[in-house]
PDB file of all heavy atoms in Angstrom:
ATOM      1  N   ASP A   1      50.426-142.266 -26.378  1.00  0.00           N
ATOM      2  CA  ASP A   1      51.697-141.994 -25.620  1.00  0.00           C
ATOM      3  C   ASP A   1      52.894-141.807 -26.403  1.00  0.00           C
ATOM      4  O   ASP A   1      53.775-141.013 -26.147  1.00  0.00           O
ATOM      5  CB  ASP A   1      51.820-143.046 -24.627  1.00  0.00           C
ATOM      6  CG  ASP A   1      50.906-143.173 -23.506  1.00  0.00           C
ATOM      7  OD1 ASP A   1      50.102-142.188 -23.350  1.00  0.00           O
ATOM      8  OD2 ASP A   1      50.801-144.151 -22.763  1.00  0.00           O
ATOM      9  N   GLN A   2      52.962-142.550 -27.572  1.00  0.00           N
ATOM     10  CA  GLN A   2      54.083-142.426 -28.450  1.00  0.00           C
ATOM     11  C   GLN A   2      53.919-141.327 -29.559  1.00  0.00           C
ATOM     12  O   GLN A   2      54.853-141.160 -30.349  1.00  0.00           O
ATOM     13  CB  GLN A   2      54.475-143.782 -29.104  1.00  0.00           C
ATOM     14  CG  GLN A   2      54.875-144.798 -28.071  1.00  0.00           C
ATOM     15  CD  GLN A   2      53.641-145.558 -27.359  1.00  0.00           C
ATOM     16  OE1 GLN A   2      52.532-145.198 -27.652  1.00  0.00           O
ATOM     17  NE2 GLN A   2      53.971-146.501 -26.510  1.00  0.00           N
ATOM     18  N   LYS A   3      52.742-140.911 -29.683  1.00  0.00           N
ATOM     19  CA  LYS A   3      52.360-139.856 -30.635  1.00  0.00           C
ATOM     20  C   LYS A   3      52.609-140.435 -32.093  1.00  0.00           C
ATOM     21  O   LYS A   3      53.106-139.763 -32.984  1.00  0.00           O
ATOM     22  CB  LYS A   3      53.168-138.574 -30.456  1.00  0.00           C
ATOM     23  CG  LYS A   3      52.779-137.772 -29.157  1.00  0.00           C
ATOM     24  CD  LYS A   3      53.586-136.578 -28.979  1.00  0.00           C
ATOM     25  CE  LYS A   3      53.133-135.847 -27.708  1.00  0.00           C
ATOM     26  NZ  LYS A   3      53.457-136.465 -26.505  1.00  0.00           N
ATOM     27  N   ILE A   4      52.152-141.685 -32.266  1.00  0.00           N
ATOM     28  CA  ILE A   4      52.232-142.379 -33.509  1.00  0.00           C
ATOM     29  C   ILE A   4      50.870-142.969 -33.899  1.00  0.00           C
ATOM     30  O   ILE A   4      50.228-143.503 -32.963  1.00  0.00           O
ATOM     31  CB  ILE A   4      53.270-143.429 -33.409  1.00  0.00           C
ATOM     32  CG1 ILE A   4      54.699-142.942 -33.154  1.00  0.00           C
ATOM     33  CG2 ILE A   4      53.346-144.361 -34.669  1.00  0.00           C
ATOM     34  CD1 ILE A   4      55.741-143.917 -32.915  1.00  0.00           C
ATOM     35  N   VAL A   5      50.557-142.944 -35.169  1.00  0.00           N
ATOM     36  CA  VAL A   5      49.387-143.647 -35.629  1.00  0.00           C
ATOM     37  C   VAL A   5      49.857-144.658 -36.638  1.00  0.00           C
ATOM     38  O   VAL A   5      50.636-144.261 -37.577  1.00  0.00           O
ATOM     39  CB  VAL A   5      48.303-142.688 -36.210  1.00  0.00           C
ATOM     40  CG1 VAL A   5      48.726-141.808 -37.297  1.00  0.00           C
ATOM     41  CG2 VAL A   5      47.026-143.414 -36.575  1.00  0.00           C
ATOM     42  N   VAL A   6      49.410-145.904 -36.580  1.00  0.00           N
ATOM     43  CA  VAL A   6      49.730-146.940 -37.501  1.00  0.00           C
ATOM     44  C   VAL A   6      48.425-147.409 -38.262  1.00  0.00           C
ATOM     45  O   VAL A   6      47.472-147.617 -37.643  1.00  0.00           O
ATOM     46  CB  VAL A   6      50.357-148.217 -36.855  1.00  0.00           C
ATOM     47  CG1 VAL A   6      50.670-149.289 -37.927  1.00  0.00           C
ATOM     48  CG2 VAL A   6      51.660-147.755 -36.110  1.00  0.00           C
ATOM     49  N   THR A   7      48.551-147.429 -39.609  1.00  0.00           N
ATOM     50  CA  THR A   7      47.342-147.858 -40.311  1.00  0.00           C
ATOM     51  C   THR A   7      47.662-149.125 -41.145  1.00  0.00           C
ATOM     52  O   THR A   7      48.829-149.450 -41.363  1.00  0.00           O
ATOM     53  CB  THR A   7      46.879-146.747 -41.332  1.00  0.00           C
ATOM     54  OG1 THR A   7      47.938-146.533 -42.333  1.00  0.00           O
ATOM     55  CG2 THR A   7      46.499-145.452 -40.622  1.00  0.00           C
ATOM     56  N   GLN A   8      46.664-149.770 -41.658  1.00  0.00           N
ATOM     57  CA  GLN A   8      46.829-150.929 -42.473  1.00  0.00           C
ATOM     58  C   GLN A   8      45.855-150.775 -43.698  1.00  0.00           C
ATOM     59  O   GLN A   8      44.721-151.320 -43.633  1.00  0.00           O
ATOM     60  CB  GLN A   8      46.539-152.256 -41.673  1.00  0.00           C
ATOM     61  CG  GLN A   8      46.900-153.421 -42.467  1.00  0.00           C
ATOM     62  CD  GLN A   8      46.800-154.716 -41.689  1.00  0.00           C
ATOM     63  OE1 GLN A   8      47.153-155.744 -42.248  1.00  0.00           O
ATOM     64  NE2 GLN A   8      46.402-154.748 -40.487  1.00  0.00           N
ATOM     65  N   PRO A   9      46.203-150.005 -44.747  1.00  0.00           N
ATOM     66  CA  PRO A   9      45.337-149.751 -45.816  1.00  0.00           C
ATOM     67  C   PRO A   9      44.863-151.007 -46.582  1.00  0.00           C
ATOM     68  O   PRO A   9      43.801-151.155 -46.968  1.00  0.00           O
ATOM     69  CB  PRO A   9      46.129-148.815 -46.737  1.00  0.00           C
ATOM     70  CG  PRO A   9      47.283-148.299 -45.939  1.00  0.00           C
ATOM     71  CD  PRO A   9      47.534-149.302 -44.833  1.00  0.00           C
ATOM     72  N   ALA A  10      45.781-151.926 -46.632  1.00  0.00           N
ATOM     73  CA  ALA A  10      45.466-153.303 -47.261  1.00  0.00           C
ATOM     74  C   ALA A  10      46.087-154.353 -46.412  1.00  0.00           C
ATOM     75  O   ALA A  10      47.013-154.052 -45.648  1.00  0.00           O
ATOM     76  CB  ALA A  10      46.049-153.299 -48.667  1.00  0.00           C
ATOM     77  N   ALA A  11      45.589-155.488 -46.485  1.00  0.00           N
ATOM     78  CA  ALA A  11      46.088-156.622 -45.590  1.00  0.00           C
ATOM     79  C   ALA A  11      47.614-156.755 -45.727  1.00  0.00           C
ATOM     80  O   ALA A  11      48.161-156.876 -46.877  1.00  0.00           O
ATOM     81  CB  ALA A  11      45.446-157.932 -46.033  1.00  0.00           C
ATOM     82  N   GLY A  12      48.315-156.709 -44.618  1.00  0.00           N
ATOM     83  CA  GLY A  12      49.803-156.799 -44.658  1.00  0.00           C
ATOM     84  C   GLY A  12      50.525-155.658 -44.935  1.00  0.00           C
ATOM     85  O   GLY A  12      51.768-155.625 -44.900  1.00  0.00           O
ATOM     86  N   GLU A  13      49.902-154.488 -45.293  1.00  0.00           N
ATOM     87  CA  GLU A  13      50.543-153.299 -45.649  1.00  0.00           C
ATOM     88  C   GLU A  13      50.352-152.208 -44.579  1.00  0.00           C
ATOM     89  O   GLU A  13      49.242-151.770 -44.325  1.00  0.00           O
ATOM     90  CB  GLU A  13      49.984-152.649 -46.977  1.00  0.00           C
ATOM     91  CG  GLU A  13      50.559-151.366 -47.346  1.00  0.00           C
ATOM     92  CD  GLU A  13      49.786-150.667 -48.592  1.00  0.00           C
ATOM     93  OE1 GLU A  13      48.930-151.305 -49.050  1.00  0.00           O
ATOM     94  OE2 GLU A  13      50.234-149.546 -48.788  1.00  0.00           O
ATOM     95  N   PHE A  14      51.447-152.017 -43.842  1.00  0.00           N
ATOM     96  CA  PHE A  14      51.391-151.124 -42.638  1.00  0.00           C
ATOM     97  C   PHE A  14      52.033-149.718 -42.941  1.00  0.00           C
ATOM     98  O   PHE A  14      53.065-149.719 -43.614  1.00  0.00           O
ATOM     99  CB  PHE A  14      52.017-151.720 -41.421  1.00  0.00           C
ATOM    100  CG  PHE A  14      51.285-152.966 -40.930  1.00  0.00           C
ATOM    101  CD1 PHE A  14      51.717-154.176 -41.328  1.00  0.00           C
ATOM    102  CD2 PHE A  14      50.226-152.827 -39.988  1.00  0.00           C
ATOM    103  CE1 PHE A  14      50.961-155.339 -40.873  1.00  0.00           C
ATOM    104  CE2 PHE A  14      49.587-153.945 -39.631  1.00  0.00           C
ATOM    105  CZ  PHE A  14      49.953-155.225 -39.975  1.00  0.00           C
ATOM    106  N   LYS A  15      51.417-148.677 -42.454  1.00  0.00           N
ATOM    107  CA  LYS A  15      51.995-147.357 -42.626  1.00  0.00           C
ATOM    108  C   LYS A  15      51.979-146.752 -41.249  1.00  0.00           C
ATOM    109  O   LYS A  15      51.056-147.013 -40.416  1.00  0.00           O
ATOM    110  CB  LYS A  15      51.027-146.490 -43.558  1.00  0.00           C
ATOM    111  CG  LYS A  15      50.859-147.058 -44.984  1.00  0.00           C
ATOM    112  CD  LYS A  15      52.186-146.803 -45.775  1.00  0.00           C
ATOM    113  CE  LYS A  15      52.023-147.142 -47.215  1.00  0.00           C
ATOM    114  NZ  LYS A  15      53.093-146.684 -48.009  1.00  0.00           N
ATOM    115  N   ALA A  16      52.975-145.919 -40.997  1.00  0.00           N
ATOM    116  CA  ALA A  16      53.006-145.137 -39.722  1.00  0.00           C
ATOM    117  C   ALA A  16      53.256-143.719 -39.980  1.00  0.00           C
ATOM    118  O   ALA A  16      53.996-143.331 -40.885  1.00  0.00           O
ATOM    119  CB  ALA A  16      54.192-145.774 -38.866  1.00  0.00           C
ATOM    120  N   PHE A  17      52.580-142.896 -39.111  1.00  0.00           N
ATOM    121  CA  PHE A  17      52.705-141.484 -39.257  1.00  0.00           C
ATOM    122  C   PHE A  17      52.712-140.838 -37.831  1.00  0.00           C
ATOM    123  O   PHE A  17      52.369-141.460 -36.821  1.00  0.00           O
ATOM    124  CB  PHE A  17      51.410-140.923 -39.908  1.00  0.00           C
ATOM    125  CG  PHE A  17      51.105-141.563 -41.211  1.00  0.00           C
ATOM    126  CD1 PHE A  17      50.156-142.672 -41.321  1.00  0.00           C
ATOM    127  CD2 PHE A  17      51.703-141.125 -42.401  1.00  0.00           C
ATOM    128  CE1 PHE A  17      49.848-143.218 -42.520  1.00  0.00           C
ATOM    129  CE2 PHE A  17      51.459-141.840 -43.643  1.00  0.00           C
ATOM    130  CZ  PHE A  17      50.505-142.890 -43.681  1.00  0.00           C
ATOM    131  N   SER A  18      53.259-139.604 -37.811  1.00  0.00           N
ATOM    132  CA  SER A  18      53.090-138.843 -36.668  1.00  0.00           C
ATOM    133  C   SER A  18      51.660-138.576 -36.313  1.00  0.00           C
ATOM    134  O   SER A  18      50.867-138.433 -37.207  1.00  0.00           O
ATOM    135  CB  SER A  18      53.792-137.421 -36.765  1.00  0.00           C
ATOM    136  OG  SER A  18      53.459-136.646 -35.638  1.00  0.00           O
ATOM    137  N   ALA A  19      51.301-138.744 -35.062  1.00  0.00           N
ATOM    138  CA  ALA A  19      49.877-138.561 -34.683  1.00  0.00           C
ATOM    139  C   ALA A  19      49.647-137.093 -34.283  1.00  0.00           C
ATOM    140  O   ALA A  19      48.509-136.752 -33.869  1.00  0.00           O
ATOM    141  CB  ALA A  19      49.569-139.460 -33.452  1.00  0.00           C
ATOM    142  N   LYS A  20      50.532-136.240 -34.498  1.00  0.00           N
ATOM    143  CA  LYS A  20      50.511-134.832 -34.243  1.00  0.00           C
ATOM    144  C   LYS A  20      49.884-134.119 -35.513  1.00  0.00           C
ATOM    145  O   LYS A  20      50.616-134.031 -36.506  1.00  0.00           O
ATOM    146  CB  LYS A  20      51.847-134.312 -33.825  1.00  0.00           C
ATOM    147  CG  LYS A  20      51.823-132.913 -33.327  1.00  0.00           C
ATOM    148  CD  LYS A  20      53.190-132.455 -32.852  1.00  0.00           C
ATOM    149  CE  LYS A  20      53.240-131.046 -32.368  1.00  0.00           C
ATOM    150  NZ  LYS A  20      54.532-130.627 -31.929  1.00  0.00           N
ATOM    151  N   CYS A  21      48.780-133.493 -35.397  1.00  0.00           N
ATOM    152  CA  CYS A  21      48.134-132.830 -36.484  1.00  0.00           C
ATOM    153  C   CYS A  21      49.002-131.675 -36.905  1.00  0.00           C
ATOM    154  O   CYS A  21      49.552-130.879 -36.178  1.00  0.00           O
ATOM    155  CB  CYS A  21      46.767-132.277 -36.107  1.00  0.00           C
ATOM    156  SG  CYS A  21      45.871-131.517 -37.437  1.00  0.00           S
ATOM    157  N   THR A  22      49.105-131.510 -38.224  1.00  0.00           N
ATOM    158  CA  THR A  22      49.879-130.459 -38.852  1.00  0.00           C
ATOM    159  C   THR A  22      49.221-129.113 -38.708  1.00  0.00           C
ATOM    160  O   THR A  22      49.865-128.101 -39.161  1.00  0.00           O
ATOM    161  CB  THR A  22      50.328-130.756 -40.265  1.00  0.00           C
ATOM    162  OG1 THR A  22      49.131-130.982 -41.101  1.00  0.00           O
ATOM    163  CG2 THR A  22      51.196-132.026 -40.340  1.00  0.00           C
ATOM    164  N   HIS A  23      47.972-129.005 -38.298  1.00  0.00           N
ATOM    165  CA  HIS A  23      47.324-127.680 -38.146  1.00  0.00           C
ATOM    166  C   HIS A  23      47.726-127.048 -36.864  1.00  0.00           C
ATOM    167  O   HIS A  23      48.376-125.965 -36.806  1.00  0.00           O
ATOM    168  CB  HIS A  23      45.826-127.926 -38.272  1.00  0.00           C
ATOM    169  CG  HIS A  23      45.096-126.688 -37.924  1.00  0.00           C
ATOM    170  ND1 HIS A  23      44.271-126.607 -36.913  1.00  0.00           N
ATOM    171  CD2 HIS A  23      45.138-125.444 -38.555  1.00  0.00           C
ATOM    172  CE1 HIS A  23      43.717-125.317 -36.903  1.00  0.00           C
ATOM    173  NE2 HIS A  23      44.245-124.635 -37.858  1.00  0.00           N
ATOM    174  N   ALA A  24      47.295-127.662 -35.706  1.00  0.00           N
ATOM    175  CA  ALA A  24      47.535-127.004 -34.436  1.00  0.00           C
ATOM    176  C   ALA A  24      48.274-127.878 -33.481  1.00  0.00           C
ATOM    177  O   ALA A  24      48.378-127.561 -32.307  1.00  0.00           O
ATOM    178  CB  ALA A  24      46.152-126.580 -33.814  1.00  0.00           C
ATOM    179  N   GLY A  25      48.805-129.005 -33.897  1.00  0.00           N
ATOM    180  CA  GLY A  25      49.520-129.878 -33.025  1.00  0.00           C
ATOM    181  C   GLY A  25      48.745-130.826 -32.108  1.00  0.00           C
ATOM    182  O   GLY A  25      49.421-131.466 -31.300  1.00  0.00           O
ATOM    183  N   CYS A  26      47.519-130.865 -32.223  1.00  0.00           N
ATOM    184  CA  CYS A  26      46.680-131.811 -31.460  1.00  0.00           C
ATOM    185  C   CYS A  26      47.058-133.211 -31.914  1.00  0.00           C
ATOM    186  O   CYS A  26      47.441-133.523 -32.956  1.00  0.00           O
ATOM    187  CB  CYS A  26      45.120-131.551 -31.753  1.00  0.00           C
ATOM    188  SG  CYS A  26      44.601-129.980 -31.230  1.00  0.00           S
ATOM    189  N   ILE A  27      46.752-134.142 -30.978  1.00  0.00           N
ATOM    190  CA  ILE A  27      46.973-135.586 -31.221  1.00  0.00           C
ATOM    191  C   ILE A  27      45.708-136.104 -31.943  1.00  0.00           C
ATOM    192  O   ILE A  27      44.602-136.031 -31.278  1.00  0.00           O
ATOM    193  CB  ILE A  27      47.358-136.411 -30.019  1.00  0.00           C
ATOM    194  CG1 ILE A  27      48.700-135.825 -29.374  1.00  0.00           C
ATOM    195  CG2 ILE A  27      47.555-137.906 -30.319  1.00  0.00           C
ATOM    196  CD1 ILE A  27      49.879-135.820 -30.245  1.00  0.00           C
ATOM    197  N   VAL A  28      45.875-136.741 -33.094  1.00  0.00           N
ATOM    198  CA  VAL A  28      44.696-137.391 -33.737  1.00  0.00           C
ATOM    199  C   VAL A  28      44.084-138.441 -32.769  1.00  0.00           C
ATOM    200  O   VAL A  28      44.869-138.979 -31.930  1.00  0.00           O
ATOM    201  CB  VAL A  28      45.099-138.058 -35.052  1.00  0.00           C
ATOM    202  CG1 VAL A  28      45.612-136.919 -36.024  1.00  0.00           C
ATOM    203  CG2 VAL A  28      46.035-139.128 -34.974  1.00  0.00           C
ATOM    204  N   ASP A  29      42.882-138.667 -32.879  1.00  0.00           N
ATOM    205  CA  ASP A  29      42.223-139.570 -31.911  1.00  0.00           C
ATOM    206  C   ASP A  29      41.539-140.840 -32.427  1.00  0.00           C
ATOM    207  O   ASP A  29      41.204-141.735 -31.677  1.00  0.00           O
ATOM    208  CB  ASP A  29      41.188-138.809 -31.029  1.00  0.00           C
ATOM    209  CG  ASP A  29      39.936-138.349 -31.792  1.00  0.00           C
ATOM    210  OD1 ASP A  29      40.053-138.274 -33.040  1.00  0.00           O
ATOM    211  OD2 ASP A  29      38.948-137.990 -31.204  1.00  0.00           O
ATOM    212  N   GLN A  30      41.324-140.923 -33.770  1.00  0.00           N
ATOM    213  CA  GLN A  30      40.716-142.100 -34.248  1.00  0.00           C
ATOM    214  C   GLN A  30      40.962-142.295 -35.751  1.00  0.00           C
ATOM    215  O   GLN A  30      41.323-141.323 -36.511  1.00  0.00           O
ATOM    216  CB  GLN A  30      39.161-142.047 -34.051  1.00  0.00           C
ATOM    217  CG  GLN A  30      38.461-140.909 -34.666  1.00  0.00           C
ATOM    218  CD  GLN A  30      36.971-140.947 -34.288  1.00  0.00           C
ATOM    219  OE1 GLN A  30      36.356-141.932 -34.224  1.00  0.00           O
ATOM    220  NE2 GLN A  30      36.386-139.732 -34.138  1.00  0.00           N
ATOM    221  N   VAL A  31      40.756-143.552 -36.142  1.00  0.00           N
ATOM    222  CA  VAL A  31      40.925-143.906 -37.562  1.00  0.00           C
ATOM    223  C   VAL A  31      39.621-144.642 -37.985  1.00  0.00           C
ATOM    224  O   VAL A  31      39.370-145.721 -37.463  1.00  0.00           O
ATOM    225  CB  VAL A  31      42.094-144.831 -37.801  1.00  0.00           C
ATOM    226  CG1 VAL A  31      42.315-145.234 -39.240  1.00  0.00           C
ATOM    227  CG2 VAL A  31      43.418-144.122 -37.177  1.00  0.00           C
ATOM    228  N   THR A  32      38.814-143.921 -38.793  1.00  0.00           N
ATOM    229  CA  THR A  32      37.572-144.596 -39.239  1.00  0.00           C
ATOM    230  C   THR A  32      37.305-144.113 -40.728  1.00  0.00           C
ATOM    231  O   THR A  32      37.800-143.201 -41.102  1.00  0.00           O
ATOM    232  CB  THR A  32      36.367-144.023 -38.398  1.00  0.00           C
ATOM    233  OG1 THR A  32      36.399-142.604 -38.436  1.00  0.00           O
ATOM    234  CG2 THR A  32      36.442-144.433 -36.972  1.00  0.00           C
ATOM    235  N   ALA A  33      36.564-145.023 -41.375  1.00  0.00           N
ATOM    236  CA  ALA A  33      36.225-144.815 -42.816  1.00  0.00           C
ATOM    237  C   ALA A  33      37.405-144.397 -43.657  1.00  0.00           C
ATOM    238  O   ALA A  33      37.266-143.593 -44.499  1.00  0.00           O
ATOM    239  CB  ALA A  33      35.068-143.675 -42.814  1.00  0.00           C
ATOM    240  N   GLY A  34      38.537-145.042 -43.410  1.00  0.00           N
ATOM    241  CA  GLY A  34      39.774-144.809 -44.300  1.00  0.00           C
ATOM    242  C   GLY A  34      40.369-143.530 -44.002  1.00  0.00           C
ATOM    243  O   GLY A  34      41.183-143.132 -44.785  1.00  0.00           O
ATOM    244  N   GLN A  35      40.126-142.842 -42.900  1.00  0.00           N
ATOM    245  CA  GLN A  35      40.697-141.614 -42.549  1.00  0.00           C
ATOM    246  C   GLN A  35      41.152-141.525 -41.074  1.00  0.00           C
ATOM    247  O   GLN A  35      40.505-142.059 -40.175  1.00  0.00           O
ATOM    248  CB  GLN A  35      39.749-140.456 -42.875  1.00  0.00           C
ATOM    249  CG  GLN A  35      39.369-140.310 -44.318  1.00  0.00           C
ATOM    250  CD  GLN A  35      38.447-139.132 -44.661  1.00  0.00           C
ATOM    251  OE1 GLN A  35      37.759-138.610 -43.788  1.00  0.00           O
ATOM    252  NE2 GLN A  35      38.548-138.604 -45.906  1.00  0.00           N
ATOM    253  N   ILE A  36      42.235-140.723 -40.928  1.00  0.00           N
ATOM    254  CA  ILE A  36      42.780-140.444 -39.556  1.00  0.00           C
ATOM    255  C   ILE A  36      42.155-139.151 -39.198  1.00  0.00           C
ATOM    256  O   ILE A  36      42.212-138.113 -39.988  1.00  0.00           O
ATOM    257  CB  ILE A  36      44.316-140.299 -39.600  1.00  0.00           C
ATOM    258  CG1 ILE A  36      44.879-141.663 -40.089  1.00  0.00           C
ATOM    259  CG2 ILE A  36      44.751-139.946 -38.205  1.00  0.00           C
ATOM    260  CD1 ILE A  36      46.335-141.562 -40.541  1.00  0.00           C
TER     261      ILE A  36
END
């Protein structure tokens, strides 16, 4: 809903990104195996 994806690459280290793909503007849908 907010078009934001938050990740935690290491314990206590948070990163936030736009969830809007830079290719066609779709909203990313999952975070698995170290990748959005």
